[in-house]
Protein backbone atom coordinates (compact mmCIF):
# COMPACT_ATOMS: atom_id res chain seq x y z
CA MET A 1 -21.99 161.19 -9.81
CA PRO A 2 -23.69 157.89 -10.53
CA ILE A 3 -25.93 156.20 -7.70
CA ASN A 4 -23.84 153.71 -5.63
CA ASN A 5 -25.36 151.11 -3.16
CA HIS A 6 -23.10 150.24 -0.34
CA SER A 7 -23.29 147.49 2.26
CA ILE A 8 -20.60 148.82 4.48
CA SER A 9 -20.89 146.77 7.61
CA PRO A 10 -22.76 144.48 9.88
CA SER A 11 -25.44 145.99 11.88
CA LYS A 12 -23.62 145.28 15.12
CA VAL A 13 -20.17 143.80 15.71
CA VAL A 14 -19.04 142.48 19.28
CA ARG A 15 -15.52 141.91 19.61
CA GLY A 16 -12.84 141.02 22.40
CA ASP A 17 -12.43 138.27 24.78
CA GLY A 18 -15.60 136.62 25.71
CA ALA A 19 -17.60 138.11 22.87
CA TRP A 20 -19.75 135.06 22.34
CA ILE A 21 -21.13 135.03 25.83
CA LYS A 22 -21.71 138.68 26.03
CA SER A 23 -23.62 138.43 22.61
CA LEU A 24 -26.18 135.88 23.86
CA ASP A 25 -28.69 138.32 24.93
CA LEU A 26 -28.41 140.07 21.55
CA ILE A 27 -29.12 136.80 19.69
CA THR A 28 -32.19 136.09 21.62
CA LYS A 29 -33.60 139.37 20.10
CA LEU A 30 -32.73 138.35 16.77
CA CYS A 31 -33.86 134.73 16.34
CA LYS A 32 -35.49 131.91 18.40
CA ARG A 33 -34.87 128.90 16.20
CA PRO A 34 -31.82 129.27 14.14
CA LEU A 35 -29.93 126.80 11.84
CA LEU A 36 -26.25 126.62 13.19
CA ILE A 37 -23.90 125.54 10.47
CA GLY A 38 -20.25 124.68 10.58
CA ARG A 39 -17.92 122.18 8.88
CA SER A 40 -14.61 121.29 10.22
CA SER A 41 -14.50 118.39 12.62
CA ALA A 42 -11.70 120.29 14.66
CA THR A 43 -14.34 122.96 15.52
CA LYS A 44 -17.22 120.80 16.23
CA LYS A 45 -16.88 121.06 19.99
CA ILE A 46 -17.00 124.84 19.79
CA ARG A 47 -20.26 124.62 17.84
CA GLU A 48 -21.58 122.17 20.42
CA SER A 49 -20.81 124.54 23.21
CA PHE A 50 -22.51 127.21 21.38
CA ARG A 51 -25.69 125.03 21.03
CA LYS A 52 -25.63 124.50 24.80
CA ASP A 53 -25.20 128.11 25.60
CA LEU A 54 -28.01 129.01 23.11
CA LEU A 55 -30.27 126.46 24.78
CA LEU A 56 -29.79 127.95 28.32
CA LYS A 57 -31.18 131.08 26.81
CA GLY A 58 -34.28 129.24 25.36
CA ILE A 59 -32.96 129.22 21.79
CA HIS A 60 -33.38 125.77 20.08
CA THR A 61 -30.95 125.26 17.32
CA ILE A 62 -30.85 122.99 14.37
CA SER A 63 -27.39 121.99 13.55
CA PHE A 64 -26.11 121.24 10.04
CA GLU A 65 -22.67 120.31 8.79
CA LEU A 66 -21.48 121.26 5.42
CA ASP A 67 -20.13 118.31 3.46
CA HIS A 68 -17.93 120.39 1.10
CA ASP A 69 -16.98 124.01 0.61
CA CYS A 70 -19.70 126.74 0.00
CA CYS A 71 -21.22 124.84 -3.04
CA GLU A 72 -24.59 124.67 -4.51
CA LEU A 73 -25.43 121.24 -3.19
CA ASP A 74 -24.61 122.19 0.50
CA ILE A 75 -26.51 125.64 -0.12
CA GLN A 76 -29.50 123.73 -1.37
CA ASN A 77 -29.51 121.24 1.54
CA ALA A 78 -29.23 123.77 4.17
CA TYR A 79 -31.84 126.04 2.66
CA LEU A 80 -34.37 123.13 2.62
CA ILE A 81 -33.42 122.09 6.36
CA SER A 82 -33.98 125.61 7.47
CA LYS A 83 -37.04 126.18 5.72
CA ASN A 84 -38.61 122.86 6.75
CA ASN A 85 -37.83 123.44 10.28
CA ASN A 86 -39.14 127.06 10.28
CA CYS A 87 -35.70 128.56 11.10
CA ASP A 88 -35.72 132.37 11.73
CA GLY A 89 -32.01 132.69 11.62
CA ILE A 90 -28.72 131.43 10.53
CA ILE A 91 -25.54 131.32 12.82
CA ALA A 92 -22.65 130.37 10.79
CA ALA A 93 -19.53 129.40 12.78
CA GLY A 94 -16.35 128.47 11.02
CA GLY A 95 -13.90 129.64 8.43
CA GLY A 96 -14.59 131.85 5.22
CA LYS A 97 -16.43 129.30 3.18
CA VAL A 98 -18.71 128.35 6.02
CA LEU A 99 -19.43 132.03 6.80
CA ASP A 100 -20.24 132.59 2.97
CA ALA A 101 -22.57 129.67 2.96
CA GLY A 102 -24.31 130.98 6.08
CA LYS A 103 -24.74 134.44 4.67
CA LEU A 104 -26.09 133.20 1.33
CA ILE A 105 -28.61 130.83 2.99
CA ALA A 106 -29.94 133.66 5.05
CA ASP A 107 -30.00 136.01 2.11
CA LEU A 108 -32.09 133.48 0.04
CA LEU A 109 -34.56 132.96 3.07
CA GLY A 110 -34.70 136.60 4.08
CA ILE A 111 -33.85 135.70 7.64
CA THR A 112 -31.49 136.82 10.32
CA CYS A 113 -27.62 136.24 9.73
CA ILE A 114 -25.12 135.86 12.50
CA THR A 115 -21.54 135.17 11.64
CA VAL A 116 -19.00 133.93 14.17
CA PRO A 117 -15.48 133.53 12.63
CA LEU A 118 -13.45 130.84 14.32
CA SER A 119 -10.37 132.07 12.70
CA ALA A 120 -8.84 135.28 11.32
CA SER A 121 -8.25 133.69 7.91
CA THR A 122 -10.52 135.96 5.78
CA CYS A 123 -13.05 138.91 6.16
CA ALA A 124 -15.87 136.72 5.22
CA GLY A 125 -17.72 137.22 8.27
CA TRP A 126 -18.05 140.89 7.70
CA THR A 127 -19.20 141.19 3.93
CA ALA A 128 -22.36 141.28 1.74
CA LEU A 129 -20.58 138.80 -0.56
CA SER A 130 -20.35 135.04 -0.95
CA ASN A 131 -18.09 133.18 -3.08
CA ILE A 132 -19.45 129.90 -4.56
CA TYR A 133 -17.29 126.84 -5.18
CA THR A 134 -17.91 123.44 -6.71
CA SER A 135 -18.05 120.46 -4.21
CA ASP A 136 -14.28 119.78 -4.89
CA GLY A 137 -13.32 123.48 -4.28
CA LYS A 138 -13.10 124.92 -7.57
CA PHE A 139 -14.19 128.55 -7.64
CA VAL A 140 -17.52 129.24 -9.62
CA LYS A 141 -18.62 132.76 -8.97
CA ASP A 142 -19.38 135.27 -6.35
CA VAL A 143 -22.72 136.59 -5.40
CA THR A 144 -23.49 139.97 -3.97
CA LEU A 145 -25.93 139.91 -1.03
CA LYS A 146 -28.46 142.40 -0.02
CA SER A 147 -26.71 143.22 3.16
CA CYS A 148 -23.94 142.64 5.51
CA PRO A 149 -24.84 140.19 8.48
CA ASN A 150 -27.06 141.38 11.27
CA LEU A 151 -24.43 140.49 13.82
CA LEU A 152 -20.77 139.49 13.84
CA ILE A 153 -19.18 138.06 16.93
CA PHE A 154 -15.48 138.00 16.95
CA ASP A 155 -14.44 136.51 20.07
CA HIS A 156 -10.73 136.83 20.57
CA LYS A 157 -10.52 133.88 23.05
CA ILE A 158 -11.89 131.51 20.40
CA VAL A 159 -10.01 132.78 17.57
CA ARG A 160 -6.79 132.90 19.35
CA ALA A 161 -7.04 129.10 19.62
CA ALA A 162 -7.03 128.87 15.76
CA PRO A 163 -3.98 127.39 13.96
CA PRO A 164 -1.17 130.04 13.31
CA ARG A 165 -1.51 129.21 9.59
CA THR A 166 -4.98 130.51 9.39
CA LEU A 167 -3.82 133.92 10.75
CA ALA A 168 -0.85 134.07 8.24
CA SER A 169 -3.33 133.15 5.39
CA GLY A 170 -5.58 136.08 6.66
CA MET A 171 -2.71 138.37 6.54
CA ALA A 172 -1.80 137.53 2.86
CA ASP A 173 -5.61 138.18 2.06
CA ALA A 174 -5.71 141.42 3.96
CA VAL A 175 -2.47 142.90 2.69
CA ALA A 176 -3.68 142.28 -0.93
CA LYS A 177 -6.30 144.91 -0.44
CA TRP A 178 -3.83 147.77 -0.71
CA TYR A 179 -1.88 146.35 -3.58
CA GLU A 180 -5.18 145.55 -5.63
CA SER A 181 -7.25 148.61 -4.53
CA SER A 182 -4.39 151.20 -5.08
CA LEU A 183 -3.91 149.80 -8.61
CA THR A 184 -7.45 149.69 -9.86
CA SER A 185 -8.58 152.87 -8.13
CA SER A 186 -5.69 155.19 -8.82
CA THR A 187 -7.65 157.60 -10.94
CA SER A 188 -11.09 157.38 -9.10
CA GLN A 189 -12.40 160.67 -7.91
CA ASP A 190 -14.83 158.98 -5.43
CA GLY A 191 -14.22 160.11 -2.00
CA PHE A 192 -15.51 156.84 -0.52
CA VAL A 193 -12.85 154.94 -2.77
CA GLN A 194 -10.07 157.20 -2.01
CA GLN A 195 -10.69 156.85 1.80
CA ALA A 196 -10.96 152.98 1.46
CA VAL A 197 -7.71 152.92 -0.34
CA GLN A 198 -6.02 154.82 2.42
CA MET A 199 -7.45 152.54 5.03
CA ALA A 200 -5.94 149.65 2.93
CA ARG A 201 -2.49 151.29 3.20
CA VAL A 202 -2.67 151.71 6.90
CA LEU A 203 -3.79 148.11 7.30
CA ARG A 204 -0.85 147.02 5.22
CA ASP A 205 1.51 149.10 7.36
CA GLN A 206 0.15 147.53 10.63
CA LEU A 207 0.32 144.11 9.18
CA PHE A 208 4.15 144.55 8.28
CA LEU A 209 4.62 146.13 11.67
CA ASN A 210 2.90 143.70 13.81
CA GLY A 211 2.31 140.59 11.78
CA TYR A 212 5.27 138.46 12.51
CA GLN A 213 5.03 138.96 16.33
CA ALA A 214 1.22 138.17 16.14
CA PHE A 215 2.12 135.09 14.14
CA LEU A 216 4.60 134.00 16.82
CA ASP A 217 2.61 134.90 19.99
CA PRO A 218 -1.28 134.98 19.95
CA LEU A 219 -0.95 136.41 23.61
CA SER A 220 0.88 139.51 22.36
CA ASN A 221 -0.69 143.01 21.92
CA SER A 222 0.18 142.61 18.11
CA TRP A 223 -2.17 139.82 17.78
CA GLY A 224 -5.49 141.85 18.54
CA THR A 225 -4.43 144.38 15.84
CA VAL A 226 -3.60 141.91 13.33
CA ALA A 227 -6.57 139.48 13.81
CA GLU A 228 -8.98 142.37 13.69
CA GLY A 229 -7.41 143.82 10.76
CA CYS A 230 -7.76 140.56 8.80
CA ALA A 231 -11.22 139.55 9.82
CA LEU A 232 -12.79 143.03 10.35
CA THR A 233 -10.94 146.14 8.90
CA ALA A 234 -10.37 144.43 5.53
CA GLY A 235 -14.17 143.89 5.34
CA ILE A 236 -14.73 147.73 6.03
CA ILE A 237 -12.44 148.57 3.04
CA GLY A 238 -14.32 146.44 0.70
CA GLY A 239 -17.70 147.79 1.83
CA LEU A 240 -16.70 151.51 1.92
CA GLY A 241 -15.01 151.33 -1.38
CA GLY A 242 -17.06 148.79 -3.19
CA VAL A 243 -16.06 146.56 -6.13
CA LYS A 244 -13.28 148.93 -6.95
CA CYS A 245 -11.46 148.13 -3.63
CA ARG A 246 -11.75 144.55 -3.86
CA THR A 247 -9.67 142.82 -6.72
CA ALA A 248 -7.21 143.55 -9.36
CA ALA A 249 -5.20 140.36 -10.20
CA ALA A 250 -4.45 138.49 -7.01
CA HIS A 251 -7.87 137.30 -6.33
CA PRO A 252 -8.76 136.33 -9.94
CA ILE A 253 -5.33 134.35 -9.99
CA HIS A 254 -6.54 132.67 -6.90
CA ASN A 255 -9.81 131.82 -8.64
CA GLY A 256 -7.96 130.27 -11.55
CA LEU A 257 -5.54 128.28 -9.14
CA THR A 258 -8.63 126.67 -7.40
CA GLN A 259 -9.17 124.86 -10.69
CA LEU A 260 -6.07 122.68 -10.29
CA SER A 261 -5.43 119.69 -8.02
CA TYR A 262 -3.31 119.89 -4.92
CA THR A 263 -1.39 117.33 -2.66
CA LYS A 264 -2.18 119.71 0.26
CA LYS A 265 -4.97 122.10 -0.39
CA PRO A 266 -4.00 125.61 0.10
CA LEU A 267 -6.08 128.04 2.14
CA HIS A 268 -7.77 131.06 0.58
CA GLY A 269 -5.22 133.57 1.62
CA GLU A 270 -2.30 131.28 0.54
CA LEU A 271 -3.37 131.31 -2.87
CA VAL A 272 -4.27 135.08 -2.98
CA GLY A 273 -0.85 135.89 -1.52
CA PHE A 274 0.87 133.94 -4.24
CA GLY A 275 -1.48 135.70 -6.92
CA LEU A 276 -0.43 138.99 -5.43
CA LEU A 277 3.40 138.19 -5.98
CA VAL A 278 2.42 137.23 -9.66
CA GLN A 279 0.27 140.48 -9.92
CA LEU A 280 3.53 142.49 -8.90
CA SER A 281 5.53 140.57 -11.44
CA LEU A 282 3.08 141.56 -14.23
CA GLU A 283 3.03 145.26 -12.91
CA GLU A 284 6.84 145.12 -13.07
CA LYS A 285 6.75 143.93 -16.76
CA ASN A 286 4.26 146.56 -17.76
CA SER A 287 5.72 149.63 -15.91
CA ASP A 288 8.84 151.71 -15.86
CA SER A 289 8.63 152.21 -12.24
CA GLN A 290 10.92 150.19 -9.73
CA LEU A 291 7.99 150.18 -7.13
CA PRO A 292 6.37 146.67 -8.02
CA LYS A 293 9.74 145.08 -7.93
CA GLN A 294 10.56 146.60 -4.65
CA ALA A 295 7.10 145.67 -3.30
CA LYS A 296 7.47 141.96 -4.52
CA SER A 297 10.80 141.68 -2.66
CA GLN A 298 9.44 143.15 0.49
CA LEU A 299 6.35 140.84 0.19
CA VAL A 300 8.49 137.77 -0.39
CA ASP A 301 10.41 138.50 2.96
CA PHE A 302 7.22 138.93 4.78
CA PHE A 303 5.53 135.91 3.44
CA SER A 304 8.57 133.81 4.04
CA GLN A 305 8.48 134.94 7.64
CA LEU A 306 4.99 133.61 7.96
CA ASN A 307 5.58 130.34 6.05
CA LEU A 308 3.22 131.43 3.24
CA PRO A 309 3.79 130.07 -0.29
CA ILE A 310 6.10 132.11 -2.59
CA SER A 311 6.46 129.63 -5.53
CA ILE A 312 4.58 127.01 -7.70
CA GLU A 313 6.59 124.46 -5.72
CA SER A 314 5.29 125.67 -2.39
CA ILE A 315 1.51 125.64 -3.29
CA SER A 316 1.72 121.82 -3.33
CA LEU A 317 0.16 121.38 -6.92
CA ARG A 318 -0.38 117.84 -7.84
CA ASN A 319 0.99 116.44 -11.30
CA MET A 320 0.59 119.90 -12.65
CA THR A 321 1.17 120.08 -16.49
CA SER A 322 1.63 123.27 -18.62
CA ASN A 323 -1.79 122.57 -20.24
CA GLU A 324 -3.49 122.35 -16.77
CA LEU A 325 -1.87 125.62 -15.77
CA LEU A 326 -2.80 127.53 -18.88
CA LYS A 327 -6.44 126.25 -18.40
CA ALA A 328 -6.19 127.91 -14.91
CA CYS A 329 -4.83 131.04 -16.49
CA LYS A 330 -7.68 131.30 -19.04
CA PHE A 331 -10.17 130.86 -16.19
CA ALA A 332 -8.38 133.68 -14.33
CA CYS A 333 -8.49 135.87 -17.65
CA ASN A 334 -12.15 135.21 -18.72
CA ASP A 335 -14.19 138.15 -19.86
CA ASN A 336 -15.96 138.73 -16.56
CA SER A 337 -12.91 138.46 -14.48
CA ASP A 338 -11.73 141.44 -12.36
CA ILE A 339 -8.24 140.90 -13.63
CA ASN A 340 -9.50 143.15 -16.64
CA GLN A 341 -9.60 146.10 -14.29
CA LEU A 342 -5.78 146.22 -14.38
CA PRO A 343 -4.39 149.33 -16.10
CA PHE A 344 -2.91 147.44 -18.82
CA PRO A 345 -4.03 144.46 -21.00
CA ILE A 346 -3.34 140.88 -20.03
CA ASN A 347 -4.17 137.47 -21.68
CA GLU A 348 -3.65 133.94 -20.26
CA ASN A 349 -0.32 133.67 -21.95
CA ASP A 350 0.86 136.71 -20.13
CA LEU A 351 -0.29 135.17 -16.95
CA PHE A 352 1.06 131.81 -17.74
CA GLU A 353 4.51 133.41 -18.37
CA ALA A 354 4.26 135.35 -14.96
CA ILE A 355 3.35 132.28 -12.83
CA GLN A 356 6.05 130.10 -14.50
CA SER A 357 8.55 132.78 -13.37
CA PHE A 358 7.66 131.62 -9.76
CA GLN A 359 8.39 127.90 -10.53
CA SER A 360 11.06 127.75 -7.79
CA PHE A 361 11.44 131.07 -6.13
CA HIS A 362 13.84 131.47 -3.16
CA LYS A 363 14.26 134.19 -0.93
CA SER A 364 16.88 136.51 -1.80
CA SER A 365 15.72 140.05 -0.98
CA LYS A 366 17.70 142.14 1.14
CA ILE A 367 14.81 144.65 1.87
CA ARG A 368 13.62 144.69 5.47
CA ILE A 369 9.98 144.73 6.44
CA LYS A 370 9.30 148.27 7.65
CA ASN A 371 6.37 150.57 8.13
CA THR A 372 6.39 152.44 4.63
């Protein structure tokens, strides 16, 4: 068996209502002068309250607001500010791209990393991976980090206040774990990979069972299961299973679609979910099995319940031409893309045709969402 190097989880995870306050003493042991980074104006008050809480504990923070997504320019600026102010840690509080930026800066400087997800939209707070984008949101590459964060704080009270759209996006991103990992890892003899794939299956079932109720009611029992599944469990799966349990076609399709312009910018999971429907369409075309067709119908129902995109029309592309879409498909199918892990060959023309089949897709499935 070849040598495998796994970064499976953060050193410590604190979760539940009031997790932030309960973590303050832990933070004092990890750093004394951290850089506190964020981006959204909607969450600025939360970060300001964090700064005040930390000051009461004798921790003096330097605040930094990202101007863009997790891009080279913002990373460079935050790196220099952190270094010039002798920061001994990074506290990243925000969505997936903020968390990715914080992890990468901490990794580059070799200092403590603390992630505080403010929504359950991705598992970025957990993983030893950062996705890099251009300043206008086009995916560039992913970077493998030396380790997962030192501390992850998942405060239910804070995350519960996030817009329901972010939870729906998180569910699309998390449910993709099963459909991608089961496809790329079906012949793996690695016990870790097999166990991670089964975790992904259980996570999918929990999302199908509890997802709609969690989306409707953040005070329901279902919400905790779903939010932690999206933000935490999905990260465990990637850490335990490694690259084989991360992507097949859904995420590379997301990467390609980020190269386009939108009237209303989709969230990460919204594009991943649409990419997952396209992946199942490709599987259907390249398989004699009815399972991809059934899975696609089931997901269309599930995504429709959560107001997630199920067509080109619903992802709000701006003035898209066939040439632009073909360029996005070419990006998704480049030589280094994980789409090449599919058990059948695919090129940009195949992908273009599959995406075009979702030009205007209306809910027509009669398959009910169930625990299967």
